[in-house]
Amino acid sequence: MVGGSVGGEYVRIYTAHYPTDVAGLVLVDSATPDMREPDFALAPVNRMSGSTRHLICMGLPAMTRLGIIRFMASRERRPPPDDFTPEQSDTLAKLEAQPKANETDIQQACAATDEGRIVSRTGGGNPDIDNAVRNAGSLGDRPLVVLTAGRYWAPPGFEKEAAEYHEIQVHLLQVNLARLSTRGRQVIVDAHHGMEESPDSIVAAVRQVVDEVRANNHVADVRPAPKPVK
């Protein structure tokens, strides 16, 4: 199984529930329950207070009908990375301004945070998913590749905050992910806005895991999760 961002948490939970279904994993810049992204990287709804979030959750149907979600999306677009072409920047802006995508994100956040009352500043933003990951245990001796972006993009003025976060992400949290399997390894990729900048690295990691599974006719040995490095 392959999981990127919060999808990395999903595949770990799936593996815990259906261990015989999963022979190997690739985690692509995976979220972890203990990560704490800088404020500028959070979705707009995750930067609000619990009372404000609760009002939004209660008024979401009306806000959708009145076009408020569309307006909020257009006002909260993040600037594109400096190395994006005009065409790439335009595509990114269109994707981030999709009203249905933003509405779905808010619905998910409301469902997981007591209708917005809980403000989660760690993990993937969904307390239910983060707690399930904490209880998922180790990945045994399954082949595992953890792909980590070697750089971290930040808007002007937030470089120091981004660098501090990235240091913890690369050298602690992502390392701990690789330790979930006795056959885990971390691969740092030269990408900074998203692993989609390096699709070849994802393909290579998948092939490595598949080849290793086939070569060993692998059956996972599930053991308790190792204690993470603090």
C-alpha atoms as a PDB file:
ATOM      1  CA  MET A   1       0.000   0.000   0.000  1.00  0.00           C
ATOM      2  CA  VAL A   2       1.089   3.576  -0.730  1.00  0.00           C
ATOM      3  CA  GLY A   3      -0.088   6.567   1.314  1.00  0.00           C
ATOM      4  CA  GLY A   4       0.790  10.236   0.968  1.00  0.00           C
ATOM      5  CA  SER A   5       0.287  12.952   3.600  1.00  0.00           C
ATOM      6  CA  VAL A   6      -2.717  11.950   5.757  1.00  0.00           C
ATOM      7  CA  GLY A   7      -3.033   8.924   3.463  1.00  0.00           C
ATOM      8  CA  GLY A   8       0.065   7.584   5.204  1.00  0.00           C
ATOM      9  CA  GLU A   9      -1.961   7.437   8.403  1.00  0.00           C
ATOM     10  CA  TYR A  10      -4.841   5.722   6.586  1.00  0.00           C
ATOM     11  CA  VAL A  11      -2.668   2.882   5.269  1.00  0.00           C
ATOM     12  CA  ARG A  12      -1.128   2.321   8.697  1.00  0.00           C
ATOM     13  CA  ILE A  13      -4.609   1.984  10.208  1.00  0.00           C
ATOM     14  CA  TYR A  14      -5.684  -0.351   7.403  1.00  0.00           C
ATOM     15  CA  THR A  15      -2.603  -2.504   7.987  1.00  0.00           C
ATOM     16  CA  ALA A  16      -3.416  -2.772  11.695  1.00  0.00           C
ATOM     17  CA  HIS A  17      -6.976  -3.921  10.939  1.00  0.00           C
ATOM     18  CA  TYR A  18      -6.164  -6.187   7.974  1.00  0.00           C
ATOM     19  CA  PRO A  19      -2.575  -7.344   8.532  1.00  0.00           C
ATOM     20  CA  THR A  20      -2.740 -10.283   6.119  1.00  0.00           C
ATOM     21  CA  ASP A  21      -3.741  -7.954   3.271  1.00  0.00           C
ATOM     22  CA  VAL A  22      -0.601  -5.807   3.370  1.00  0.00           C
ATOM     23  CA  ALA A  23       2.839  -7.163   2.484  1.00  0.00           C
ATOM     24  CA  GLY A  24       4.728  -3.871   2.148  1.00  0.00           C
ATOM     25  CA  LEU A  25       4.270  -0.099   2.328  1.00  0.00           C
ATOM     26  CA  VAL A  26       5.497   3.184   0.882  1.00  0.00           C
ATOM     27  CA  LEU A  27       4.821   6.319   2.948  1.00  0.00           C
ATOM     28  CA  VAL A  28       5.067   9.528   0.900  1.00  0.00           C
ATOM     29  CA  ASP A  29       5.734  12.570   3.110  1.00  0.00           C
ATOM     30  CA  SER A  30       3.323  10.954   5.529  1.00  0.00           C
ATOM     31  CA  ALA A  31       1.534  12.815   8.288  1.00  0.00           C
ATOM     32  CA  THR A  32       2.226  11.628  11.834  1.00  0.00           C
ATOM     33  CA  PRO A  33       0.180  12.145  15.017  1.00  0.00           C
ATOM     34  CA  ASP A  34       2.981  14.179  16.637  1.00  0.00           C
ATOM     35  CA  MET A  35       3.677  16.593  13.795  1.00  0.00           C
ATOM     36  CA  ARG A  36       2.847  20.253  14.300  1.00  0.00           C
ATOM     37  CA  GLU A  37       2.846  22.171  11.037  1.00  0.00           C
ATOM     38  CA  PRO A  38       3.584  25.912  11.001  1.00  0.00           C
ATOM     39  CA  ASP A  39       0.517  28.137  11.064  1.00  0.00           C
ATOM     40  CA  PHE A  40       0.996  29.237   7.464  1.00  0.00           C
ATOM     41  CA  ALA A  41       0.742  25.602   6.331  1.00  0.00           C
ATOM     42  CA  LEU A  42      -2.576  24.950   8.068  1.00  0.00           C
ATOM     43  CA  ALA A  43      -5.897  25.055   6.275  1.00  0.00           C
ATOM     44  CA  PRO A  44      -7.832  28.266   7.035  1.00  0.00           C
ATOM     45  CA  VAL A  45     -10.432  26.427   9.127  1.00  0.00           C
ATOM     46  CA  ASN A  46      -7.659  24.940  11.307  1.00  0.00           C
ATOM     47  CA  ARG A  47      -6.334  28.421  12.139  1.00  0.00           C
ATOM     48  CA  MET A  48      -9.627  29.535  13.703  1.00  0.00           C
ATOM     49  CA  SER A  49     -10.819  29.315  17.307  1.00  0.00           C
ATOM     50  CA  GLY A  50     -13.142  26.531  18.437  1.00  0.00           C
ATOM     51  CA  SER A  51     -16.128  28.874  18.760  1.00  0.00           C
ATOM     52  CA  THR A  52     -15.638  30.239  15.237  1.00  0.00           C
ATOM     53  CA  ARG A  53     -15.209  26.741  13.825  1.00  0.00           C
ATOM     54  CA  HIS A  54     -18.392  25.623  15.577  1.00  0.00           C
ATOM     55  CA  LEU A  55     -20.377  28.462  13.996  1.00  0.00           C
ATOM     56  CA  ILE A  56     -19.026  27.503  10.577  1.00  0.00           C
ATOM     57  CA  CYS A  57     -19.946  23.856  11.083  1.00  0.00           C
ATOM     58  CA  MET A  58     -23.475  24.769  12.092  1.00  0.00           C
ATOM     59  CA  GLY A  59     -23.899  27.203   9.201  1.00  0.00           C
ATOM     60  CA  LEU A  60     -22.129  25.153   6.539  1.00  0.00           C
ATOM     61  CA  PRO A  61     -25.250  24.233   4.512  1.00  0.00           C
ATOM     62  CA  ALA A  62     -26.350  27.876   4.295  1.00  0.00           C
ATOM     63  CA  MET A  63     -22.819  29.084   3.574  1.00  0.00           C
ATOM     64  CA  THR A  64     -22.577  26.658   0.673  1.00  0.00           C
ATOM     65  CA  ARG A  65     -25.882  27.805  -0.828  1.00  0.00           C
ATOM     66  CA  LEU A  66     -24.928  31.483  -0.516  1.00  0.00           C
ATOM     67  CA  GLY A  67     -21.503  31.043  -2.126  1.00  0.00           C
ATOM     68  CA  ILE A  68     -19.571  31.953   1.030  1.00  0.00           C
ATOM     69  CA  ILE A  69     -17.397  28.835   0.763  1.00  0.00           C
ATOM     70  CA  ARG A  70     -16.392  29.843  -2.757  1.00  0.00           C
ATOM     71  CA  PHE A  71     -15.556  33.368  -1.535  1.00  0.00           C
ATOM     72  CA  MET A  72     -13.475  32.080   1.393  1.00  0.00           C
ATOM     73  CA  ALA A  73     -11.525  29.780  -0.911  1.00  0.00           C
ATOM     74  CA  SER A  74     -10.703  32.632  -3.278  1.00  0.00           C
ATOM     75  CA  ARG A  75      -9.449  34.809  -0.386  1.00  0.00           C
ATOM     76  CA  GLU A  76      -7.235  32.166   1.216  1.00  0.00           C
ATOM     77  CA  ARG A  77      -5.147  31.021  -1.739  1.00  0.00           C
ATOM     78  CA  ARG A  78      -1.519  30.477  -0.845  1.00  0.00           C
ATOM     79  CA  PRO A  79       1.124  32.019  -3.102  1.00  0.00           C
ATOM     80  CA  PRO A  80       2.710  29.446  -5.423  1.00  0.00           C
ATOM     81  CA  PRO A  81       6.357  28.377  -5.008  1.00  0.00           C
ATOM     82  CA  ASP A  82       8.885  30.633  -6.702  1.00  0.00           C
ATOM     83  CA  ASP A  83       9.900  27.974  -9.220  1.00  0.00           C
ATOM     84  CA  PHE A  84       6.363  27.343 -10.529  1.00  0.00           C
ATOM     85  CA  THR A  85       5.642  28.391 -14.094  1.00  0.00           C
ATOM     86  CA  PRO A  86       2.647  30.679 -14.733  1.00  0.00           C
ATOM     87  CA  GLU A  87       0.719  27.678 -16.052  1.00  0.00           C
ATOM     88  CA  GLN A  88       1.491  25.630 -12.917  1.00  0.00           C
ATOM     89  CA  SER A  89       0.529  28.548 -10.672  1.00  0.00           C
ATOM     90  CA  ASP A  90      -2.779  28.952 -12.505  1.00  0.00           C
ATOM     91  CA  THR A  91      -3.538  25.238 -12.198  1.00  0.00           C
ATOM     92  CA  LEU A  92      -2.738  25.253  -8.476  1.00  0.00           C
ATOM     93  CA  ALA A  93      -4.992  28.271  -7.891  1.00  0.00           C
ATOM     94  CA  LYS A  94      -7.885  26.603  -9.709  1.00  0.00           C
ATOM     95  CA  LEU A  95      -7.494  23.388  -7.716  1.00  0.00           C
ATOM     96  CA  GLU A  96      -7.393  25.191  -4.374  1.00  0.00           C
ATOM     97  CA  ALA A  97     -10.443  27.283  -5.266  1.00  0.00           C
ATOM     98  CA  GLN A  98     -12.767  24.343  -5.912  1.00  0.00           C
ATOM     99  CA  PRO A  99     -15.833  24.972  -3.691  1.00  0.00           C
ATOM    100  CA  LYS A 100     -16.714  21.292  -3.396  1.00  0.00           C
ATOM    101  CA  ALA A 101     -13.203  20.379  -2.285  1.00  0.00           C
ATOM    102  CA  ASN A 102     -13.228  23.075   0.391  1.00  0.00           C
ATOM    103  CA  GLU A 103     -16.721  22.085   1.527  1.00  0.00           C
ATOM    104  CA  THR A 104     -15.646  18.456   1.878  1.00  0.00           C
ATOM    105  CA  ASP A 105     -12.555  19.454   3.871  1.00  0.00           C
ATOM    106  CA  ILE A 106     -14.708  21.458   6.284  1.00  0.00           C
ATOM    107  CA  GLN A 107     -17.246  18.630   6.638  1.00  0.00           C
ATOM    108  CA  GLN A 108     -14.456  16.198   7.506  1.00  0.00           C
ATOM    109  CA  ALA A 109     -12.976  18.620  10.040  1.00  0.00           C
ATOM    110  CA  CYS A 110     -16.397  19.154  11.645  1.00  0.00           C
ATOM    111  CA  ALA A 111     -17.088  15.434  11.918  1.00  0.00           C
ATOM    112  CA  ALA A 112     -13.783  14.783  13.669  1.00  0.00           C
ATOM    113  CA  THR A 113     -13.745  17.756  16.051  1.00  0.00           C
ATOM    114  CA  ASP A 114     -17.124  17.728  17.814  1.00  0.00           C
ATOM    115  CA  GLU A 115     -18.627  20.036  15.183  1.00  0.00           C
ATOM    116  CA  GLY A 116     -15.584  22.286  15.261  1.00  0.00           C
ATOM    117  CA  ARG A 117     -15.279  22.722  19.024  1.00  0.00           C
ATOM    118  CA  ILE A 118     -11.974  20.827  19.215  1.00  0.00           C
ATOM    119  CA  VAL A 119      -9.048  22.701  17.655  1.00  0.00           C
ATOM    120  CA  SER A 120      -6.408  20.136  16.734  1.00  0.00           C
ATOM    121  CA  ARG A 121      -2.992  21.687  16.077  1.00  0.00           C
ATOM    122  CA  THR A 122      -1.043  18.451  15.771  1.00  0.00           C
ATOM    123  CA  GLY A 123      -1.108  15.461  13.460  1.00  0.00           C
ATOM    124  CA  GLY A 124      -3.122  15.417  10.260  1.00  0.00           C
ATOM    125  CA  GLY A 125      -5.868  17.609  11.726  1.00  0.00           C
ATOM    126  CA  ASN A 126      -8.285  14.747  12.446  1.00  0.00           C
ATOM    127  CA  PRO A 127      -8.085  13.598  16.102  1.00  0.00           C
ATOM    128  CA  ASP A 128      -9.936  10.346  15.368  1.00  0.00           C
ATOM    129  CA  ILE A 129      -7.406   9.345  12.706  1.00  0.00           C
ATOM    130  CA  ASP A 130      -4.417  10.415  14.816  1.00  0.00           C
ATOM    131  CA  ASN A 131      -5.612   8.362  17.795  1.00  0.00           C
ATOM    132  CA  ALA A 132      -6.197   5.335  15.583  1.00  0.00           C
ATOM    133  CA  VAL A 133      -2.643   5.642  14.234  1.00  0.00           C
ATOM    134  CA  ARG A 134      -1.214   5.813  17.742  1.00  0.00           C
ATOM    135  CA  ASN A 135      -2.936   2.495  18.474  1.00  0.00           C
ATOM    136  CA  ALA A 136      -1.971   0.860  15.180  1.00  0.00           C
ATOM    137  CA  GLY A 137       1.267  -0.676  16.457  1.00  0.00           C
ATOM    138  CA  SER A 138       4.309  -1.495  14.378  1.00  0.00           C
ATOM    139  CA  LEU A 139       4.586  -2.697  10.792  1.00  0.00           C
ATOM    140  CA  GLY A 140       6.509  -5.792  11.847  1.00  0.00           C
ATOM    141  CA  ASP A 141       9.113  -6.811   9.281  1.00  0.00           C
ATOM    142  CA  ARG A 142       7.231  -5.656   6.212  1.00  0.00           C
ATOM    143  CA  PRO A 143       9.353  -3.924   3.564  1.00  0.00           C
ATOM    144  CA  LEU A 144       8.843  -0.183   4.101  1.00  0.00           C
ATOM    145  CA  VAL A 145      10.139   2.899   2.291  1.00  0.00           C
ATOM    146  CA  VAL A 146       9.567   6.315   3.849  1.00  0.00           C
ATOM    147  CA  LEU A 147       9.921   9.100   1.274  1.00  0.00           C
ATOM    148  CA  THR A 148      10.632  12.516   2.809  1.00  0.00           C
ATOM    149  CA  ALA A 149      10.844  15.868   1.043  1.00  0.00           C
ATOM    150  CA  GLY A 150      14.348  17.225   1.529  1.00  0.00           C
ATOM    151  CA  ARG A 151      13.257  20.856   1.404  1.00  0.00           C
ATOM    152  CA  TYR A 152      10.244  22.724   2.728  1.00  0.00           C
ATOM    153  CA  TRP A 153       8.568  25.600   0.937  1.00  0.00           C
ATOM    154  CA  ALA A 154       7.481  28.665   2.882  1.00  0.00           C
ATOM    155  CA  PRO A 155       6.064  32.041   1.860  1.00  0.00           C
ATOM    156  CA  PRO A 156       8.363  35.074   2.296  1.00  0.00           C
ATOM    157  CA  GLY A 157       8.893  35.947   5.935  1.00  0.00           C
ATOM    158  CA  PHE A 158       8.312  32.432   7.287  1.00  0.00           C
ATOM    159  CA  GLU A 159      11.615  30.801   6.326  1.00  0.00           C
ATOM    160  CA  LYS A 160      12.866  30.408   9.918  1.00  0.00           C
ATOM    161  CA  GLU A 161       9.610  28.840  11.117  1.00  0.00           C
ATOM    162  CA  ALA A 162       9.603  26.458   8.158  1.00  0.00           C
ATOM    163  CA  ALA A 163      13.233  25.461   8.694  1.00  0.00           C
ATOM    164  CA  GLU A 164      12.610  24.609  12.361  1.00  0.00           C
ATOM    165  CA  TYR A 165       9.594  22.493  11.455  1.00  0.00           C
ATOM    166  CA  HIS A 166      11.453  20.766   8.632  1.00  0.00           C
ATOM    167  CA  GLU A 167      14.370  19.849  10.897  1.00  0.00           C
ATOM    168  CA  ILE A 168      12.013  17.962  13.219  1.00  0.00           C
ATOM    169  CA  GLN A 169      10.056  16.463  10.341  1.00  0.00           C
ATOM    170  CA  VAL A 170      13.072  15.095   8.447  1.00  0.00           C
ATOM    171  CA  HIS A 171      15.378  14.044  11.269  1.00  0.00           C
ATOM    172  CA  LEU A 172      12.916  12.859  13.922  1.00  0.00           C
ATOM    173  CA  LEU A 173       9.321  12.196  12.876  1.00  0.00           C
ATOM    174  CA  GLN A 174      10.054  10.651   9.478  1.00  0.00           C
ATOM    175  CA  VAL A 175      12.942   8.654  10.953  1.00  0.00           C
ATOM    176  CA  ASN A 176      10.545   7.237  13.535  1.00  0.00           C
ATOM    177  CA  LEU A 177       8.231   6.163  10.692  1.00  0.00           C
ATOM    178  CA  ALA A 178      11.051   4.135   9.155  1.00  0.00           C
ATOM    179  CA  ARG A 179      11.601   2.488  12.547  1.00  0.00           C
ATOM    180  CA  LEU A 180       8.044   1.102  12.486  1.00  0.00           C
ATOM    181  CA  SER A 181       9.397  -1.843  10.477  1.00  0.00           C
ATOM    182  CA  THR A 182      12.568  -3.821  11.027  1.00  0.00           C
ATOM    183  CA  ARG A 183      12.985  -3.535   7.260  1.00  0.00           C
ATOM    184  CA  GLY A 184      12.132   0.163   7.006  1.00  0.00           C
ATOM    185  CA  ARG A 185      14.316   2.808   5.395  1.00  0.00           C
ATOM    186  CA  GLN A 186      14.014   6.514   4.790  1.00  0.00           C
ATOM    187  CA  VAL A 187      14.757   8.106   1.429  1.00  0.00           C
ATOM    188  CA  ILE A 188      15.119  11.908   1.329  1.00  0.00           C
ATOM    189  CA  VAL A 189      13.902  13.350  -1.972  1.00  0.00           C
ATOM    190  CA  ASP A 190      14.885  16.675  -3.533  1.00  0.00           C
ATOM    191  CA  ALA A 191      11.394  18.187  -3.456  1.00  0.00           C
ATOM    192  CA  HIS A 192       9.936  21.012  -1.403  1.00  0.00           C
ATOM    193  CA  HIS A 193       6.333  21.766  -2.380  1.00  0.00           C
ATOM    194  CA  GLY A 194       5.051  18.223  -2.644  1.00  0.00           C
ATOM    195  CA  MET A 195       6.302  14.815  -3.626  1.00  0.00           C
ATOM    196  CA  GLU A 196       4.495  15.211  -6.941  1.00  0.00           C
ATOM    197  CA  GLU A 197       7.611  17.141  -7.982  1.00  0.00           C
ATOM    198  CA  SER A 198       9.468  13.823  -7.996  1.00  0.00           C
ATOM    199  CA  PRO A 199       7.091  11.144  -9.296  1.00  0.00           C
ATOM    200  CA  ASP A 200      10.019   8.943 -10.317  1.00  0.00           C
ATOM    201  CA  SER A 201      11.013   8.562  -6.663  1.00  0.00           C
ATOM    202  CA  ILE A 202       7.551   7.231  -5.806  1.00  0.00           C
ATOM    203  CA  VAL A 203       7.607   4.772  -8.697  1.00  0.00           C
ATOM    204  CA  ALA A 204      11.097   3.598  -7.704  1.00  0.00           C
ATOM    205  CA  ALA A 205      10.069   3.095  -4.070  1.00  0.00           C
ATOM    206  CA  VAL A 206       6.995   1.085  -5.055  1.00  0.00           C
ATOM    207  CA  ARG A 207       9.072  -1.135  -7.333  1.00  0.00           C
ATOM    208  CA  GLN A 208      11.655  -1.681  -4.597  1.00  0.00           C
ATOM    209  CA  VAL A 209       9.021  -2.827  -2.121  1.00  0.00           C
ATOM    210  CA  VAL A 210       7.246  -5.052  -4.660  1.00  0.00           C
ATOM    211  CA  ASP A 211      10.528  -6.642  -5.714  1.00  0.00           C
ATOM    212  CA  GLU A 212      11.510  -7.261  -2.096  1.00  0.00           C
ATOM    213  CA  VAL A 213       8.142  -8.829  -1.294  1.00  0.00           C
ATOM    214  CA  ARG A 214       8.316 -11.105  -4.331  1.00  0.00           C
ATOM    215  CA  ALA A 215      11.932 -12.084  -3.723  1.00  0.00           C
ATOM    216  CA  ASN A 216      11.257 -13.143  -0.165  1.00  0.00           C
ATOM    217  CA  ASN A 217       7.706 -14.473  -0.629  1.00  0.00           C
ATOM    218  CA  HIS A 218       7.175 -12.196   2.317  1.00  0.00           C
ATOM    219  CA  VAL A 219       4.792 -12.837   5.208  1.00  0.00           C
ATOM    220  CA  ALA A 220       4.682 -10.001   7.727  1.00  0.00           C
ATOM    221  CA  ASP A 221       5.804 -10.605  11.316  1.00  0.00           C
ATOM    222  CA  VAL A 222       3.706  -8.226  13.406  1.00  0.00           C
ATOM    223  CA  ARG A 223       5.344  -7.055  16.624  1.00  0.00           C
ATOM    224  CA  PRO A 224       4.700  -4.283  19.165  1.00  0.00           C
ATOM    225  CA  ALA A 225       5.687  -0.835  17.933  1.00  0.00           C
ATOM    226  CA  PRO A 226       9.230   0.237  18.908  1.00  0.00           C
ATOM    227  CA  LYS A 227       9.528   3.173  21.247  1.00  0.00           C
ATOM    228  CA  PRO A 228       9.982   6.350  19.156  1.00  0.00           C
ATOM    229  CA  VAL A 229      13.021   8.565  19.556  1.00  0.00           C
ATOM    230  CA  LYS A 230      12.227  11.767  21.464  1.00  0.00           C
END
